[in-house]
Each structure stands twice: as structure tokens, then as C-alpha cells.
Amino acid sequence: MMKPKMMVHGSLARCISSPEEVERLLSQGWLIGAPKAKTAMAKRMRVTRERRRAEGWLQLDLWLPPDVIAAVKAAKLPGESYEALFIRLVKKLGASDDLPQVNILN
């Protein structure tokens, strides 16, 4: 499976994952489109994501069930971010005593 490509033709746009389908649409006059930035910060955010991936960072989206949220909020120190809470708890579990401090705003 390949990374999906945005194919555009006239007023139509589709994301295609099949190399055969991409070739078929290209032969029919479709073009490979590039998404346009939706905000003024989009380019900076995209470059930051690409740089972090190259440096080995891992982006996580975390969804917590309602019954766990109270426990997480109780474990958080005053003024502590969720990121700092996560790193503090990982250190406390003994996974690594020398985890780096992370600033997510870089």
C-alpha cells in the first residue's frame, strides 16, 4: 500500500492509495495535487513536524475514558502540563532516570 496521493481534475479531488489507480487517472488527464496551507502558521507547523520526525520524535494522540480523567487530573501538580506529568510518571516507574526535559513549543 502506498501513501495516498491527492488527485484533482476540474472541480473534483480524490485521495488515491492504489498505484494502478493513480496511473489510470494520470492517463485520463488528472493531476497530482498539493494541499494548500490553511493558516499562516501551516508551513511552519509542517516543517516542525517533518524535522521532529527526522529527529525520531513520536507524536501521540491520547484519548482517555471519562473514568480515568479524574485520576489523571489528581496526579497533575499545580501548573504542570500533561506532557510534564507523563514524563514525571514514566521516570517514577523507573523506565529511565535521565529522560530529557521536553519543550513542545520549539
PDB file of N, CA and C in Angstrom:
ATOM      1  N   MET A   1       0.843  -1.170   0.000  1.00  0.00           N
ATOM      2  CA  MET A   1       0.000   0.000   0.000  1.00  0.00           C
ATOM      3  C   MET A   1       0.889   1.234   0.000  1.00  0.00           C
ATOM      4  N   MET A   2       0.591   2.171  -0.844  1.00  0.00           N
ATOM      5  CA  MET A   2       1.370   3.400  -0.921  1.00  0.00           C
ATOM      6  C   MET A   2       0.683   4.519  -0.154  1.00  0.00           C
ATOM      7  N   LYS A   3       1.441   5.573   0.091  1.00  0.00           N
ATOM      8  CA  LYS A   3       0.874   6.746   0.741  1.00  0.00           C
ATOM      9  C   LYS A   3      -0.154   7.365  -0.204  1.00  0.00           C
ATOM     10  N   PRO A   4      -1.323   7.726   0.298  1.00  0.00           N
ATOM     11  CA  PRO A   4      -2.352   8.292  -0.583  1.00  0.00           C
ATOM     12  C   PRO A   4      -1.885   9.575  -1.258  1.00  0.00           C
ATOM     13  N   LYS A   5      -2.267   9.711  -2.530  1.00  0.00           N
ATOM     14  CA  LYS A   5      -1.975  10.928  -3.289  1.00  0.00           C
ATOM     15  C   LYS A   5      -3.290  11.645  -3.566  1.00  0.00           C
ATOM     16  N   MET A   6      -3.239  12.976  -3.509  1.00  0.00           N
ATOM     17  CA  MET A   6      -4.422  13.755  -3.840  1.00  0.00           C
ATOM     18  C   MET A   6      -4.430  13.949  -5.353  1.00  0.00           C
ATOM     19  N   MET A   7      -5.492  13.469  -5.985  1.00  0.00           N
ATOM     20  CA  MET A   7      -5.643  13.599  -7.429  1.00  0.00           C
ATOM     21  C   MET A   7      -6.757  14.610  -7.685  1.00  0.00           C
ATOM     22  N   VAL A   8      -6.518  15.535  -8.625  1.00  0.00           N
ATOM     23  CA  VAL A   8      -7.510  16.568  -8.919  1.00  0.00           C
ATOM     24  C   VAL A   8      -7.799  16.609 -10.412  1.00  0.00           C
ATOM     25  N   HIS A   9      -9.054  16.918 -10.736  1.00  0.00           N
ATOM     26  CA  HIS A   9      -9.476  17.062 -12.137  1.00  0.00           C
ATOM     27  C   HIS A   9     -10.708  17.951 -12.145  1.00  0.00           C
ATOM     28  N   GLY A  10     -10.598  19.078 -12.774  1.00  0.00           N
ATOM     29  CA  GLY A  10     -11.724  20.007 -12.787  1.00  0.00           C
ATOM     30  C   GLY A  10     -12.056  20.430 -11.368  1.00  0.00           C
ATOM     31  N   SER A  11     -13.278  20.192 -10.954  1.00  0.00           N
ATOM     32  CA  SER A  11     -13.674  20.565  -9.596  1.00  0.00           C
ATOM     33  C   SER A  11     -13.689  19.352  -8.673  1.00  0.00           C
ATOM     34  N   LEU A  12     -13.119  18.234  -9.108  1.00  0.00           N
ATOM     35  CA  LEU A  12     -13.082  17.016  -8.302  1.00  0.00           C
ATOM     36  C   LEU A  12     -11.708  16.840  -7.669  1.00  0.00           C
ATOM     37  N   ALA A  13     -11.684  16.252  -6.502  1.00  0.00           N
ATOM     38  CA  ALA A  13     -10.428  15.890  -5.835  1.00  0.00           C
ATOM     39  C   ALA A  13     -10.661  14.582  -5.091  1.00  0.00           C
ATOM     40  N   ARG A  14      -9.714  13.657  -5.205  1.00  0.00           N
ATOM     41  CA  ARG A  14      -9.819  12.366  -4.531  1.00  0.00           C
ATOM     42  C   ARG A  14      -8.450  11.983  -3.990  1.00  0.00           C
ATOM     43  N   CYS A  15      -8.436  11.252  -2.870  1.00  0.00           N
ATOM     44  CA  CYS A  15      -7.209  10.685  -2.335  1.00  0.00           C
ATOM     45  C   CYS A  15      -7.137   9.241  -2.807  1.00  0.00           C
ATOM     46  N   ILE A  16      -6.053   8.888  -3.482  1.00  0.00           N
ATOM     47  CA  ILE A  16      -5.903   7.565  -4.087  1.00  0.00           C
ATOM     48  C   ILE A  16      -4.716   6.851  -3.455  1.00  0.00           C
ATOM     49  N   SER A  17      -4.919   5.590  -3.037  1.00  0.00           N
ATOM     50  CA  SER A  17      -3.861   4.798  -2.404  1.00  0.00           C
ATOM     51  C   SER A  17      -3.281   3.737  -3.333  1.00  0.00           C
ATOM     52  N   SER A  18      -3.943   3.449  -4.417  1.00  0.00           N
ATOM     53  CA  SER A  18      -3.508   2.388  -5.326  1.00  0.00           C
ATOM     54  C   SER A  18      -2.629   2.956  -6.438  1.00  0.00           C
ATOM     55  N   PRO A  19      -1.406   2.421  -6.621  1.00  0.00           N
ATOM     56  CA  PRO A  19      -0.546   2.917  -7.708  1.00  0.00           C
ATOM     57  C   PRO A  19      -1.186   2.742  -9.086  1.00  0.00           C
ATOM     58  N   GLU A  20      -1.925   1.647  -9.266  1.00  0.00           N
ATOM     59  CA  GLU A  20      -2.580   1.413 -10.558  1.00  0.00           C
ATOM     60  C   GLU A  20      -3.644   2.472 -10.834  1.00  0.00           C
ATOM     61  N   GLU A  21      -4.400   2.808  -9.790  1.00  0.00           N
ATOM     62  CA  GLU A  21      -5.452   3.819  -9.936  1.00  0.00           C
ATOM     63  C   GLU A  21      -4.842   5.197 -10.198  1.00  0.00           C
ATOM     64  N   VAL A  22      -3.719   5.504  -9.549  1.00  0.00           N
ATOM     65  CA  VAL A  22      -3.026   6.777  -9.801  1.00  0.00           C
ATOM     66  C   VAL A  22      -2.599   6.853 -11.261  1.00  0.00           C
ATOM     67  N   GLU A  23      -1.993   5.783 -11.774  1.00  0.00           N
ATOM     68  CA  GLU A  23      -1.550   5.763 -13.177  1.00  0.00           C
ATOM     69  C   GLU A  23      -2.734   5.901 -14.126  1.00  0.00           C
ATOM     70  N   ARG A  24      -3.843   5.215 -13.819  1.00  0.00           N
ATOM     71  CA  ARG A  24      -5.031   5.280 -14.675  1.00  0.00           C
ATOM     72  C   ARG A  24      -5.576   6.706 -14.724  1.00  0.00           C
ATOM     73  N   LEU A  25      -5.661   7.355 -13.554  1.00  0.00           N
ATOM     74  CA  LEU A  25      -6.189   8.720 -13.520  1.00  0.00           C
ATOM     75  C   LEU A  25      -5.235   9.706 -14.191  1.00  0.00           C
ATOM     76  N   LEU A  26      -3.928   9.512 -14.021  1.00  0.00           N
ATOM     77  CA  LEU A  26      -2.964  10.388 -14.701  1.00  0.00           C
ATOM     78  C   LEU A  26      -3.122  10.284 -16.219  1.00  0.00           C
ATOM     79  N   SER A  27      -3.369   9.070 -16.719  1.00  0.00           N
ATOM     80  CA  SER A  27      -3.538   8.883 -18.169  1.00  0.00           C
ATOM     81  C   SER A  27      -4.822   9.526 -18.675  1.00  0.00           C
ATOM     82  N   GLN A  28      -5.776   9.794 -17.787  1.00  0.00           N
ATOM     83  CA  GLN A  28      -7.038  10.425 -18.166  1.00  0.00           C
ATOM     84  C   GLN A  28      -7.020  11.937 -17.954  1.00  0.00           C
ATOM     85  N   GLY A  29      -5.848  12.498 -17.627  1.00  0.00           N
ATOM     86  CA  GLY A  29      -5.749  13.940 -17.502  1.00  0.00           C
ATOM     87  C   GLY A  29      -5.838  14.474 -16.083  1.00  0.00           C
ATOM     88  N   TRP A  30      -5.959  13.597 -15.101  1.00  0.00           N
ATOM     89  CA  TRP A  30      -5.962  14.043 -13.709  1.00  0.00           C
ATOM     90  C   TRP A  30      -4.556  14.501 -13.343  1.00  0.00           C
ATOM     91  N   LEU A  31      -4.461  15.360 -12.359  1.00  0.00           N
ATOM     92  CA  LEU A  31      -3.175  15.865 -11.884  1.00  0.00           C
ATOM     93  C   LEU A  31      -2.992  15.492 -10.423  1.00  0.00           C
ATOM     94  N   ILE A  32      -1.736  15.387 -10.005  1.00  0.00           N
ATOM     95  CA  ILE A  32      -1.439  15.169  -8.592  1.00  0.00           C
ATOM     96  C   ILE A  32      -1.443  16.537  -7.937  1.00  0.00           C
ATOM     97  N   GLY A  33      -2.301  16.709  -6.957  1.00  0.00           N
ATOM     98  CA  GLY A  33      -2.458  17.999  -6.295  1.00  0.00           C
ATOM     99  C   GLY A  33      -1.625  18.089  -5.036  1.00  0.00           C
ATOM    100  N   ALA A  34      -1.369  19.291  -4.636  1.00  0.00           N
ATOM    101  CA  ALA A  34      -0.671  19.559  -3.377  1.00  0.00           C
ATOM    102  C   ALA A  34      -1.607  20.356  -2.489  1.00  0.00           C
ATOM    103  N   PRO A  35      -1.807  19.906  -1.250  1.00  0.00           N
ATOM    104  CA  PRO A  35      -2.694  20.671  -0.377  1.00  0.00           C
ATOM    105  C   PRO A  35      -2.148  22.061  -0.104  1.00  0.00           C
ATOM    106  N   LYS A  36      -3.044  23.019  -0.029  1.00  0.00           N
ATOM    107  CA  LYS A  36      -2.634  24.394   0.255  1.00  0.00           C
ATOM    108  C   LYS A  36      -2.714  24.643   1.753  1.00  0.00           C
ATOM    109  N   ALA A  37      -1.843  25.494   2.226  1.00  0.00           N
ATOM    110  CA  ALA A  37      -1.827  25.849   3.641  1.00  0.00           C
ATOM    111  C   ALA A  37      -3.152  26.507   4.021  1.00  0.00           C
ATOM    112  N   LYS A  38      -3.697  26.093   5.139  1.00  0.00           N
ATOM    113  CA  LYS A  38      -4.975  26.634   5.580  1.00  0.00           C
ATOM    114  C   LYS A  38      -4.810  27.813   6.536  1.00  0.00           C
ATOM    115  N   THR A  39      -3.641  27.953   7.137  1.00  0.00           N
ATOM    116  CA  THR A  39      -3.388  29.068   8.045  1.00  0.00           C
ATOM    117  C   THR A  39      -2.007  29.646   7.747  1.00  0.00           C
ATOM    118  N   ALA A  40      -1.733  30.808   8.323  1.00  0.00           N
ATOM    119  CA  ALA A  40      -0.436  31.445   8.131  1.00  0.00           C
ATOM    120  C   ALA A  40       0.688  30.626   8.766  1.00  0.00           C
ATOM    121  N   MET A  41       0.368  29.853   9.810  1.00  0.00           N
ATOM    122  CA  MET A  41       1.377  29.063  10.514  1.00  0.00           C
ATOM    123  C   MET A  41       1.539  27.658   9.936  1.00  0.00           C
ATOM    124  N   ALA A  42       0.748  27.297   8.928  1.00  0.00           N
ATOM    125  CA  ALA A  42       0.737  25.923   8.425  1.00  0.00           C
ATOM    126  C   ALA A  42       2.116  25.475   7.936  1.00  0.00           C
ATOM    127  N   LYS A  43       2.823  26.335   7.199  1.00  0.00           N
ATOM    128  CA  LYS A  43       4.135  25.949   6.686  1.00  0.00           C
ATOM    129  C   LYS A  43       5.102  25.699   7.837  1.00  0.00           C
ATOM    130  N   ARG A  44       5.103  26.584   8.829  1.00  0.00           N
ATOM    131  CA  ARG A  44       6.000  26.424   9.980  1.00  0.00           C
ATOM    132  C   ARG A  44       5.681  25.132  10.737  1.00  0.00           C
ATOM    133  N   MET A  45       4.388  24.869  10.919  1.00  0.00           N
ATOM    134  CA  MET A  45       3.979  23.659  11.630  1.00  0.00           C
ATOM    135  C   MET A  45       4.391  22.408  10.853  1.00  0.00           C
ATOM    136  N   ARG A  46       4.218  22.422   9.527  1.00  0.00           N
ATOM    137  CA  ARG A  46       4.596  21.282   8.686  1.00  0.00           C
ATOM    138  C   ARG A  46       6.096  21.038   8.753  1.00  0.00           C
ATOM    139  N   VAL A  47       6.896  22.100   8.654  1.00  0.00           N
ATOM    140  CA  VAL A  47       8.349  21.971   8.724  1.00  0.00           C
ATOM    141  C   VAL A  47       8.779  21.434  10.091  1.00  0.00           C
ATOM    142  N   THR A  48       8.135  21.913  11.153  1.00  0.00           N
ATOM    143  CA  THR A  48       8.458  21.432  12.500  1.00  0.00           C
ATOM    144  C   THR A  48       8.139  19.955  12.639  1.00  0.00           C
ATOM    145  N   ARG A  49       6.968  19.517  12.125  1.00  0.00           N
ATOM    146  CA  ARG A  49       6.612  18.093  12.186  1.00  0.00           C
ATOM    147  C   ARG A  49       7.623  17.239  11.422  1.00  0.00           C
ATOM    148  N   GLU A  50       8.011  17.699  10.217  1.00  0.00           N
ATOM    149  CA  GLU A  50       8.981  16.943   9.410  1.00  0.00           C
ATOM    150  C   GLU A  50      10.329  16.853  10.122  1.00  0.00           C
ATOM    151  N   ARG A  51      10.774  17.966  10.731  1.00  0.00           N
ATOM    152  CA  ARG A  51      12.048  17.971  11.447  1.00  0.00           C
ATOM    153  C   ARG A  51      12.009  17.021  12.635  1.00  0.00           C
ATOM    154  N   ARG A  52      10.912  17.082  13.392  1.00  0.00           N
ATOM    155  CA  ARG A  52      10.803  16.209  14.560  1.00  0.00           C
ATOM    156  C   ARG A  52      10.765  14.732  14.157  1.00  0.00           C
ATOM    157  N   ARG A  53      10.044  14.408  13.088  1.00  0.00           N
ATOM    158  CA  ARG A  53      10.034  13.011  12.624  1.00  0.00           C
ATOM    159  C   ARG A  53      11.458  12.559  12.268  1.00  0.00           C
ATOM    160  N   ALA A  54      12.199  13.429  11.581  1.00  0.00           N
ATOM    161  CA  ALA A  54      13.575  13.101  11.197  1.00  0.00           C
ATOM    162  C   ALA A  54      14.468  12.917  12.421  1.00  0.00           C
ATOM    163  N   GLU A  55      14.178  13.637  13.509  1.00  0.00           N
ATOM    164  CA  GLU A  55      14.958  13.520  14.744  1.00  0.00           C
ATOM    165  C   GLU A  55      14.510  12.337  15.601  1.00  0.00           C
ATOM    166  N   GLY A  56      13.450  11.636  15.184  1.00  0.00           N
ATOM    167  CA  GLY A  56      12.995  10.470  15.915  1.00  0.00           C
ATOM    168  C   GLY A  56      11.903  10.724  16.942  1.00  0.00           C
ATOM    169  N   TRP A  57      11.290  11.902  16.915  1.00  0.00           N
ATOM    170  CA  TRP A  57      10.200  12.194  17.840  1.00  0.00           C
ATOM    171  C   TRP A  57       9.007  11.317  17.501  1.00  0.00           C
ATOM    172  N   LEU A  58       8.137  11.123  18.463  1.00  0.00           N
ATOM    173  CA  LEU A  58       6.908  10.364  18.278  1.00  0.00           C
ATOM    174  C   LEU A  58       5.740  11.233  18.702  1.00  0.00           C
ATOM    175  N   GLN A  59       4.783  11.428  17.803  1.00  0.00           N
ATOM    176  CA  GLN A  59       3.588  12.204  18.128  1.00  0.00           C
ATOM    177  C   GLN A  59       2.507  11.243  18.588  1.00  0.00           C
ATOM    178  N   LEU A  60       1.924  11.530  19.739  1.00  0.00           N
ATOM    179  CA  LEU A  60       0.868  10.686  20.282  1.00  0.00           C
ATOM    180  C   LEU A  60      -0.401  11.493  20.472  1.00  0.00           C
ATOM    181  N   ASP A  61      -1.514  10.912  20.084  1.00  0.00           N
ATOM    182  CA  ASP A  61      -2.834  11.450  20.424  1.00  0.00           C
ATOM    183  C   ASP A  61      -3.392  10.504  21.468  1.00  0.00           C
ATOM    184  N   LEU A  62      -3.808  11.043  22.570  1.00  0.00           N
ATOM    185  CA  LEU A  62      -4.248  10.217  23.683  1.00  0.00           C
ATOM    186  C   LEU A  62      -5.684  10.555  24.046  1.00  0.00           C
ATOM    187  N   TRP A  63      -6.547   9.556  23.987  1.00  0.00           N
ATOM    188  CA  TRP A  63      -7.932   9.720  24.401  1.00  0.00           C
ATOM    189  C   TRP A  63      -8.117   8.932  25.682  1.00  0.00           C
ATOM    190  N   LEU A  64      -8.642   9.592  26.684  1.00  0.00           N
ATOM    191  CA  LEU A  64      -8.839   8.954  27.976  1.00  0.00           C
ATOM    192  C   LEU A  64     -10.324   8.739  28.232  1.00  0.00           C
ATOM    193  N   PRO A  65     -10.675   7.584  28.803  1.00  0.00           N
ATOM    194  CA  PRO A  65     -12.078   7.374  29.155  1.00  0.00           C
ATOM    195  C   PRO A  65     -12.455   8.274  30.329  1.00  0.00           C
ATOM    196  N   PRO A  66     -13.720   8.633  30.428  1.00  0.00           N
ATOM    197  CA  PRO A  66     -14.159   9.557  31.478  1.00  0.00           C
ATOM    198  C   PRO A  66     -13.798   9.108  32.888  1.00  0.00           C
ATOM    199  N   ASP A  67     -13.781   7.809  33.142  1.00  0.00           N
ATOM    200  CA  ASP A  67     -13.493   7.347  34.496  1.00  0.00           C
ATOM    201  C   ASP A  67     -12.020   7.475  34.873  1.00  0.00           C
ATOM    202  N   VAL A  68     -11.140   7.744  33.908  1.00  0.00           N
ATOM    203  CA  VAL A  68      -9.708   7.885  34.180  1.00  0.00           C
ATOM    204  C   VAL A  68      -9.312   9.353  34.322  1.00  0.00           C
ATOM    205  N   ILE A  69     -10.104  10.241  33.771  1.00  0.00           N
ATOM    206  CA  ILE A  69      -9.757  11.669  33.745  1.00  0.00           C
ATOM    207  C   ILE A  69      -9.560  12.232  35.147  1.00  0.00           C
ATOM    208  N   ALA A  70     -10.404  11.890  36.071  1.00  0.00           N
ATOM    209  CA  ALA A  70     -10.276  12.399  37.439  1.00  0.00           C
ATOM    210  C   ALA A  70      -8.951  11.969  38.058  1.00  0.00           C
ATOM    211  N   ALA A  71      -8.534  10.726  37.827  1.00  0.00           N
ATOM    212  CA  ALA A  71      -7.263  10.241  38.373  1.00  0.00           C
ATOM    213  C   ALA A  71      -6.083  10.972  37.747  1.00  0.00           C
ATOM    214  N   VAL A  72      -6.165  11.241  36.459  1.00  0.00           N
ATOM    215  CA  VAL A  72      -5.083  11.962  35.776  1.00  0.00           C
ATOM    216  C   VAL A  72      -4.995  13.388  36.303  1.00  0.00           C
ATOM    217  N   LYS A  73      -6.118  14.055  36.447  1.00  0.00           N
ATOM    218  CA  LYS A  73      -6.127  15.432  36.972  1.00  0.00           C
ATOM    219  C   LYS A  73      -5.615  15.475  38.410  1.00  0.00           C
ATOM    220  N   ALA A  74      -5.918  14.449  39.195  1.00  0.00           N
ATOM    221  CA  ALA A  74      -5.450  14.403  40.586  1.00  0.00           C
ATOM    222  C   ALA A  74      -3.944  14.196  40.657  1.00  0.00           C
ATOM    223  N   ALA A  75      -3.365  13.489  39.678  1.00  0.00           N
ATOM    224  CA  ALA A  75      -1.923  13.220  39.677  1.00  0.00           C
ATOM    225  C   ALA A  75      -1.115  14.420  39.194  1.00  0.00           C
ATOM    226  N   LYS A  76      -1.769  15.347  38.509  1.00  0.00           N
ATOM    227  CA  LYS A  76      -1.100  16.518  37.943  1.00  0.00           C
ATOM    228  C   LYS A  76      -0.792  17.536  39.038  1.00  0.00           C
ATOM    229  N   LEU A  77       0.439  18.016  39.061  1.00  0.00           N
ATOM    230  CA  LEU A  77       0.842  19.043  40.019  1.00  0.00           C
ATOM    231  C   LEU A  77       0.334  20.407  39.551  1.00  0.00           C
ATOM    232  N   PRO A  78       0.185  21.370  40.460  1.00  0.00           N
ATOM    233  CA  PRO A  78      -0.266  22.710  40.056  1.00  0.00           C
ATOM    234  C   PRO A  78       0.681  23.319  39.013  1.00  0.00           C
ATOM    235  N   GLY A  79       0.133  23.782  37.921  1.00  0.00           N
ATOM    236  CA  GLY A  79       0.920  24.409  36.863  1.00  0.00           C
ATOM    237  C   GLY A  79       1.648  23.424  35.961  1.00  0.00           C
ATOM    238  N   GLU A  80       1.501  22.135  36.177  1.00  0.00           N
ATOM    239  CA  GLU A  80       2.200  21.122  35.390  1.00  0.00           C
ATOM    240  C   GLU A  80       1.415  20.811  34.118  1.00  0.00           C
ATOM    241  N   SER A  81       2.117  20.682  32.999  1.00  0.00           N
ATOM    242  CA  SER A  81       1.457  20.313  31.748  1.00  0.00           C
ATOM    243  C   SER A  81       1.239  18.795  31.727  1.00  0.00           C
ATOM    244  N   TYR A  82       0.370  18.355  30.839  1.00  0.00           N
ATOM    245  CA  TYR A  82       0.143  16.919  30.709  1.00  0.00           C
ATOM    246  C   TYR A  82       1.402  16.215  30.208  1.00  0.00           C
ATOM    247  N   GLU A  83       2.150  16.907  29.360  1.00  0.00           N
ATOM    248  CA  GLU A  83       3.420  16.358  28.873  1.00  0.00           C
ATOM    249  C   GLU A  83       4.391  16.137  30.038  1.00  0.00           C
ATOM    250  N   ALA A  84       4.532  17.141  30.902  1.00  0.00           N
ATOM    251  CA  ALA A  84       5.430  17.027  32.052  1.00  0.00           C
ATOM    252  C   ALA A  84       4.934  15.944  33.015  1.00  0.00           C
ATOM    253  N   LEU A  85       3.626  15.833  33.188  1.00  0.00           N
ATOM    254  CA  LEU A  85       3.048  14.777  34.025  1.00  0.00           C
ATOM    255  C   LEU A  85       3.425  13.405  33.479  1.00  0.00           C
ATOM    256  N   PHE A  86       3.266  13.218  32.177  1.00  0.00           N
ATOM    257  CA  PHE A  86       3.590  11.944  31.539  1.00  0.00           C
ATOM    258  C   PHE A  86       5.063  11.588  31.755  1.00  0.00           C
ATOM    259  N   ILE A  87       5.977  12.545  31.521  1.00  0.00           N
ATOM    260  CA  ILE A  87       7.409  12.287  31.693  1.00  0.00           C
ATOM    261  C   ILE A  87       7.722  11.996  33.155  1.00  0.00           C
ATOM    262  N   ARG A  88       7.110  12.747  34.077  1.00  0.00           N
ATOM    263  CA  ARG A  88       7.348  12.521  35.504  1.00  0.00           C
ATOM    264  C   ARG A  88       6.900  11.125  35.921  1.00  0.00           C
ATOM    265  N   LEU A  89       5.743  10.689  35.440  1.00  0.00           N
ATOM    266  CA  LEU A  89       5.245   9.366  35.792  1.00  0.00           C
ATOM    267  C   LEU A  89       6.096   8.254  35.188  1.00  0.00           C
ATOM    268  N   VAL A  90       6.585   8.451  33.978  1.00  0.00           N
ATOM    269  CA  VAL A  90       7.472   7.455  33.358  1.00  0.00           C
ATOM    270  C   VAL A  90       8.761   7.347  34.159  1.00  0.00           C
ATOM    271  N   LYS A  91       9.313   8.498  34.579  1.00  0.00           N
ATOM    272  CA  LYS A  91      10.524   8.478  35.415  1.00  0.00           C
ATOM    273  C   LYS A  91      10.254   7.769  36.738  1.00  0.00           C
ATOM    274  N   LYS A  92       9.088   8.036  37.327  1.00  0.00           N
ATOM    275  CA  LYS A  92       8.743   7.443  38.610  1.00  0.00           C
ATOM    276  C   LYS A  92       8.645   5.923  38.500  1.00  0.00           C
ATOM    277  N   LEU A  93       8.183   5.435  37.362  1.00  0.00           N
ATOM    278  CA  LEU A  93       8.091   3.992  37.150  1.00  0.00           C
ATOM    279  C   LEU A  93       9.465   3.353  36.964  1.00  0.00           C
ATOM    280  N   GLY A  94      10.494   4.195  36.813  1.00  0.00           N
ATOM    281  CA  GLY A  94      11.850   3.680  36.709  1.00  0.00           C
ATOM    282  C   GLY A  94      12.275   3.303  35.308  1.00  0.00           C
ATOM    283  N   ALA A  95      11.517   3.723  34.311  1.00  0.00           N
ATOM    284  CA  ALA A  95      11.895   3.391  32.942  1.00  0.00           C
ATOM    285  C   ALA A  95      13.227   4.044  32.573  1.00  0.00           C
ATOM    286  N   SER A  96      13.443   5.265  33.055  1.00  0.00           N
ATOM    287  CA  SER A  96      14.700   5.959  32.791  1.00  0.00           C
ATOM    288  C   SER A  96      14.805   7.161  33.716  1.00  0.00           C
ATOM    289  N   ASP A  97      15.942   7.276  34.398  1.00  0.00           N
ATOM    290  CA  ASP A  97      16.144   8.419  35.276  1.00  0.00           C
ATOM    291  C   ASP A  97      16.701   9.618  34.536  1.00  0.00           C
ATOM    292  N   ASP A  98      17.152   9.421  33.305  1.00  0.00           N
ATOM    293  CA  ASP A  98      17.778  10.523  32.575  1.00  0.00           C
ATOM    294  C   ASP A  98      16.966  10.940  31.353  1.00  0.00           C
ATOM    295  N   LEU A  99      15.631  10.913  31.453  1.00  0.00           N
ATOM    296  CA  LEU A  99      14.800  11.399  30.371  1.00  0.00           C
ATOM    297  C   LEU A  99      15.003  12.908  30.239  1.00  0.00           C
ATOM    298  N   PRO A 100      15.102  13.399  29.003  1.00  0.00           N
ATOM    299  CA  PRO A 100      15.324  14.832  28.806  1.00  0.00           C
ATOM    300  C   PRO A 100      14.067  15.646  29.096  1.00  0.00           C
ATOM    301  N   GLN A 101      14.269  16.889  29.492  1.00  0.00           N
ATOM    302  CA  GLN A 101      13.160  17.819  29.596  1.00  0.00           C
ATOM    303  C   GLN A 101      12.756  18.174  28.179  1.00  0.00           C
ATOM    304  N   VAL A 102      11.489  18.205  27.889  1.00  0.00           N
ATOM    305  CA  VAL A 102      10.998  18.455  26.542  1.00  0.00           C
ATOM    306  C   VAL A 102      10.205  19.733  26.545  1.00  0.00           C
ATOM    307  N   ASN A 103      10.491  20.594  25.560  1.00  0.00           N
ATOM    308  CA  ASN A 103       9.725  21.813  25.380  1.00  0.00           C
ATOM    309  C   ASN A 103       8.956  21.668  24.086  1.00  0.00           C
ATOM    310  N   ILE A 104       7.643  21.545  24.157  1.00  0.00           N
ATOM    311  CA  ILE A 104       6.849  21.271  22.971  1.00  0.00           C
ATOM    312  C   ILE A 104       6.647  22.516  22.095  1.00  0.00           C
ATOM    313  N   LEU A 105       7.118  23.666  22.525  1.00  0.00           N
ATOM    314  CA  LEU A 105       6.904  24.887  21.762  1.00  0.00           C
ATOM    315  C   LEU A 105       8.017  25.177  20.763  1.00  0.00           C
ATOM    316  N   ASN A 106       9.044  24.332  20.662  1.00  0.00           N
ATOM    317  CA  ASN A 106      10.133  24.559  19.690  1.00  0.00           C
ATOM    318  C   ASN A 106       9.681  24.152  18.321  1.00  0.00           C
TER     319      ASN A 106
END
